Amino acid sequence: MDDFDNVAKSSLDEWISFLQTGEIPESFTAPGLPEARERLKEAGMSEKELRRYRNYMDNLRDARSALSTSYIDGKADGKAEDAKKMKAKGFDIDLISEITGLSTEEIAGL
């Protein structure tokens, strides 16, 4: 390891560099290193900074969750609307089910 030239060429090289220097450059992407980078940042924070950072991360997770839920709900609403239109035009329920992914029971209830 003493001959390591600090030029990371693989995931293993990135980990070795981190273990030697205690630093993780932003360009390193080996599995586990992004998470380790975040832990290092947290370790260097004051209590106040850490509380603010964790609050920010909680808010970010909540926002992502809300966005994901909205996307999923919107996608489901779109499928139901498409199914209604196909049903109104006389499409076969099994065909509508195949196209939209909705069950025949869901389509019958529209």
C-alpha atoms as a PDB file:
ATOM      1  CA  MET A   1       0.000   0.000   0.000  1.00  0.00           C
ATOM      2  CA  ASP A   2       2.955   2.363   0.463  1.00  0.00           C
ATOM      3  CA  ASP A   3       3.427   2.388  -3.301  1.00  0.00           C
ATOM      4  CA  PHE A   4      -0.181   3.416  -3.941  1.00  0.00           C
ATOM      5  CA  ASP A   5      -0.014   6.397  -6.278  1.00  0.00           C
ATOM      6  CA  ASN A   6      -3.333   8.013  -5.188  1.00  0.00           C
ATOM      7  CA  VAL A   7      -4.771   7.507  -8.655  1.00  0.00           C
ATOM      8  CA  ALA A   8      -7.950   5.503  -8.183  1.00  0.00           C
ATOM      9  CA  LYS A   9      -8.604   3.169 -11.081  1.00  0.00           C
ATOM     10  CA  SER A  10     -11.211   0.857  -9.525  1.00  0.00           C
ATOM     11  CA  SER A  11     -13.613   0.650  -6.612  1.00  0.00           C
ATOM     12  CA  LEU A  12     -10.944  -1.101  -4.570  1.00  0.00           C
ATOM     13  CA  ASP A  13      -8.466   1.687  -5.364  1.00  0.00           C
ATOM     14  CA  GLU A  14     -11.016   4.271  -4.208  1.00  0.00           C
ATOM     15  CA  TRP A  15     -11.524   2.447  -0.906  1.00  0.00           C
ATOM     16  CA  ILE A  16      -7.776   2.068  -0.385  1.00  0.00           C
ATOM     17  CA  SER A  17      -7.309   5.778  -1.043  1.00  0.00           C
ATOM     18  CA  PHE A  18     -10.031   6.602   1.489  1.00  0.00           C
ATOM     19  CA  LEU A  19      -8.508   4.322   4.113  1.00  0.00           C
ATOM     20  CA  GLN A  20      -5.070   5.865   3.576  1.00  0.00           C
ATOM     21  CA  THR A  21      -6.124   9.515   3.500  1.00  0.00           C
ATOM     22  CA  GLY A  22      -9.419   9.638   5.368  1.00  0.00           C
ATOM     23  CA  GLU A  23     -10.818  11.697   2.493  1.00  0.00           C
ATOM     24  CA  ILE A  24     -13.366  10.821  -0.177  1.00  0.00           C
ATOM     25  CA  PRO A  25     -13.224  13.026  -3.287  1.00  0.00           C
ATOM     26  CA  GLU A  26     -16.569  13.791  -4.932  1.00  0.00           C
ATOM     27  CA  SER A  27     -15.396  11.878  -8.015  1.00  0.00           C
ATOM     28  CA  PHE A  28     -15.241   8.582  -6.074  1.00  0.00           C
ATOM     29  CA  THR A  29     -18.313   6.443  -6.701  1.00  0.00           C
ATOM     30  CA  ALA A  30     -17.370   2.997  -5.364  1.00  0.00           C
ATOM     31  CA  PRO A  31     -20.263   1.207  -3.641  1.00  0.00           C
ATOM     32  CA  GLY A  32     -20.594   2.475  -0.077  1.00  0.00           C
ATOM     33  CA  LEU A  33     -18.361   5.525  -0.493  1.00  0.00           C
ATOM     34  CA  PRO A  34     -21.161   8.071  -1.070  1.00  0.00           C
ATOM     35  CA  GLU A  35     -22.728   6.915   2.207  1.00  0.00           C
ATOM     36  CA  ALA A  36     -19.347   7.026   3.963  1.00  0.00           C
ATOM     37  CA  ARG A  37     -18.847  10.578   2.615  1.00  0.00           C
ATOM     38  CA  GLU A  38     -22.133  11.649   4.219  1.00  0.00           C
ATOM     39  CA  ARG A  39     -21.137  10.047   7.539  1.00  0.00           C
ATOM     40  CA  LEU A  40     -17.816  11.889   7.462  1.00  0.00           C
ATOM     41  CA  LYS A  41     -19.619  15.170   6.881  1.00  0.00           C
ATOM     42  CA  GLU A  42     -21.947  14.458   9.801  1.00  0.00           C
ATOM     43  CA  ALA A  43     -19.035  13.547  12.076  1.00  0.00           C
ATOM     44  CA  GLY A  44     -17.487  16.972  11.552  1.00  0.00           C
ATOM     45  CA  MET A  45     -20.659  18.927  12.372  1.00  0.00           C
ATOM     46  CA  SER A  46     -21.494  20.723  15.589  1.00  0.00           C
ATOM     47  CA  GLU A  47     -24.635  19.608  17.462  1.00  0.00           C
ATOM     48  CA  LYS A  48     -26.560  22.580  16.055  1.00  0.00           C
ATOM     49  CA  GLU A  49     -25.391  21.896  12.491  1.00  0.00           C
ATOM     50  CA  LEU A  50     -26.189  18.203  12.880  1.00  0.00           C
ATOM     51  CA  ARG A  51     -29.755  18.951  14.082  1.00  0.00           C
ATOM     52  CA  ARG A  52     -30.286  21.339  11.164  1.00  0.00           C
ATOM     53  CA  TYR A  53     -28.816  18.838   8.686  1.00  0.00           C
ATOM     54  CA  ARG A  54     -30.964  15.967   9.975  1.00  0.00           C
ATOM     55  CA  ASN A  55     -34.050  18.177   9.896  1.00  0.00           C
ATOM     56  CA  TYR A  56     -33.218  19.122   6.303  1.00  0.00           C
ATOM     57  CA  MET A  57     -32.757  15.447   5.350  1.00  0.00           C
ATOM     58  CA  ASP A  58     -36.075  14.517   7.011  1.00  0.00           C
ATOM     59  CA  ASN A  59     -37.829  17.287   5.070  1.00  0.00           C
ATOM     60  CA  LEU A  60     -36.158  16.154   1.855  1.00  0.00           C
ATOM     61  CA  ARG A  61     -37.301  12.548   2.407  1.00  0.00           C
ATOM     62  CA  ASP A  62     -40.844  13.761   3.121  1.00  0.00           C
ATOM     63  CA  ALA A  63     -40.883  15.861  -0.045  1.00  0.00           C
ATOM     64  CA  ARG A  64     -39.595  12.971  -2.148  1.00  0.00           C
ATOM     65  CA  SER A  65     -42.198  10.664  -0.656  1.00  0.00           C
ATOM     66  CA  ALA A  66     -44.991  13.144  -1.355  1.00  0.00           C
ATOM     67  CA  LEU A  67     -43.789  13.609  -4.919  1.00  0.00           C
ATOM     68  CA  SER A  68     -43.590   9.870  -5.475  1.00  0.00           C
ATOM     69  CA  THR A  69     -47.077   9.356  -4.059  1.00  0.00           C
ATOM     70  CA  SER A  70     -48.448  12.150  -6.247  1.00  0.00           C
ATOM     71  CA  TYR A  71     -46.822  10.585  -9.303  1.00  0.00           C
ATOM     72  CA  ILE A  72     -48.237   7.143  -8.510  1.00  0.00           C
ATOM     73  CA  ASP A  73     -51.702   8.567  -7.799  1.00  0.00           C
ATOM     74  CA  GLY A  74     -51.605  10.618 -10.996  1.00  0.00           C
ATOM     75  CA  LYS A  75     -50.553   7.607 -13.016  1.00  0.00           C
ATOM     76  CA  ALA A  76     -53.409   5.535 -11.554  1.00  0.00           C
ATOM     77  CA  ASP A  77     -55.902   8.351 -12.253  1.00  0.00           C
ATOM     78  CA  GLY A  78     -54.645   8.547 -15.832  1.00  0.00           C
ATOM     79  CA  LYS A  79     -55.078   4.812 -16.348  1.00  0.00           C
ATOM     80  CA  ALA A  80     -58.616   4.968 -14.967  1.00  0.00           C
ATOM     81  CA  GLU A  81     -59.462   7.896 -17.236  1.00  0.00           C
ATOM     82  CA  ASP A  82     -58.061   6.062 -20.261  1.00  0.00           C
ATOM     83  CA  ALA A  83     -60.059   2.960 -19.310  1.00  0.00           C
ATOM     84  CA  LYS A  84     -63.259   5.025 -19.017  1.00  0.00           C
ATOM     85  CA  LYS A  85     -62.735   6.445 -22.493  1.00  0.00           C
ATOM     86  CA  MET A  86     -62.041   3.009 -23.992  1.00  0.00           C
ATOM     87  CA  LYS A  87     -65.060   1.548 -22.218  1.00  0.00           C
ATOM     88  CA  ALA A  88     -67.260   4.383 -23.546  1.00  0.00           C
ATOM     89  CA  LYS A  89     -66.053   3.616 -27.082  1.00  0.00           C
ATOM     90  CA  GLY A  90     -67.028  -0.033 -26.666  1.00  0.00           C
ATOM     91  CA  PHE A  91     -63.584  -1.621 -26.222  1.00  0.00           C
ATOM     92  CA  ASP A  92     -63.608  -5.154 -24.833  1.00  0.00           C
ATOM     93  CA  ILE A  93     -62.964  -5.116 -21.049  1.00  0.00           C
ATOM     94  CA  ASP A  94     -60.238  -7.760 -21.341  1.00  0.00           C
ATOM     95  CA  LEU A  95     -58.449  -5.621 -23.931  1.00  0.00           C
ATOM     96  CA  ILE A  96     -58.785  -2.527 -21.726  1.00  0.00           C
ATOM     97  CA  SER A  97     -57.345  -4.544 -18.842  1.00  0.00           C
ATOM     98  CA  GLU A  98     -54.415  -5.682 -20.966  1.00  0.00           C
ATOM     99  CA  ILE A  99     -53.664  -2.151 -22.141  1.00  0.00           C
ATOM    100  CA  THR A 100     -54.074  -0.315 -18.819  1.00  0.00           C
ATOM    101  CA  GLY A 101     -53.040  -2.994 -16.348  1.00  0.00           C
ATOM    102  CA  LEU A 102     -56.279  -2.465 -14.420  1.00  0.00           C
ATOM    103  CA  SER A 103     -58.279  -5.495 -13.353  1.00  0.00           C
ATOM    104  CA  THR A 104     -61.523  -6.315 -15.137  1.00  0.00           C
ATOM    105  CA  GLU A 105     -63.325  -5.649 -11.836  1.00  0.00           C
ATOM    106  CA  GLU A 106     -61.790  -2.158 -11.616  1.00  0.00           C
ATOM    107  CA  ILE A 107     -62.808  -1.453 -15.205  1.00  0.00           C
ATOM    108  CA  ALA A 108     -66.343  -2.749 -14.660  1.00  0.00           C
ATOM    109  CA  GLY A 109     -66.681  -0.338 -11.723  1.00  0.00           C
ATOM    110  CA  LEU A 110     -65.806   2.707 -13.819  1.00  0.00           C
END
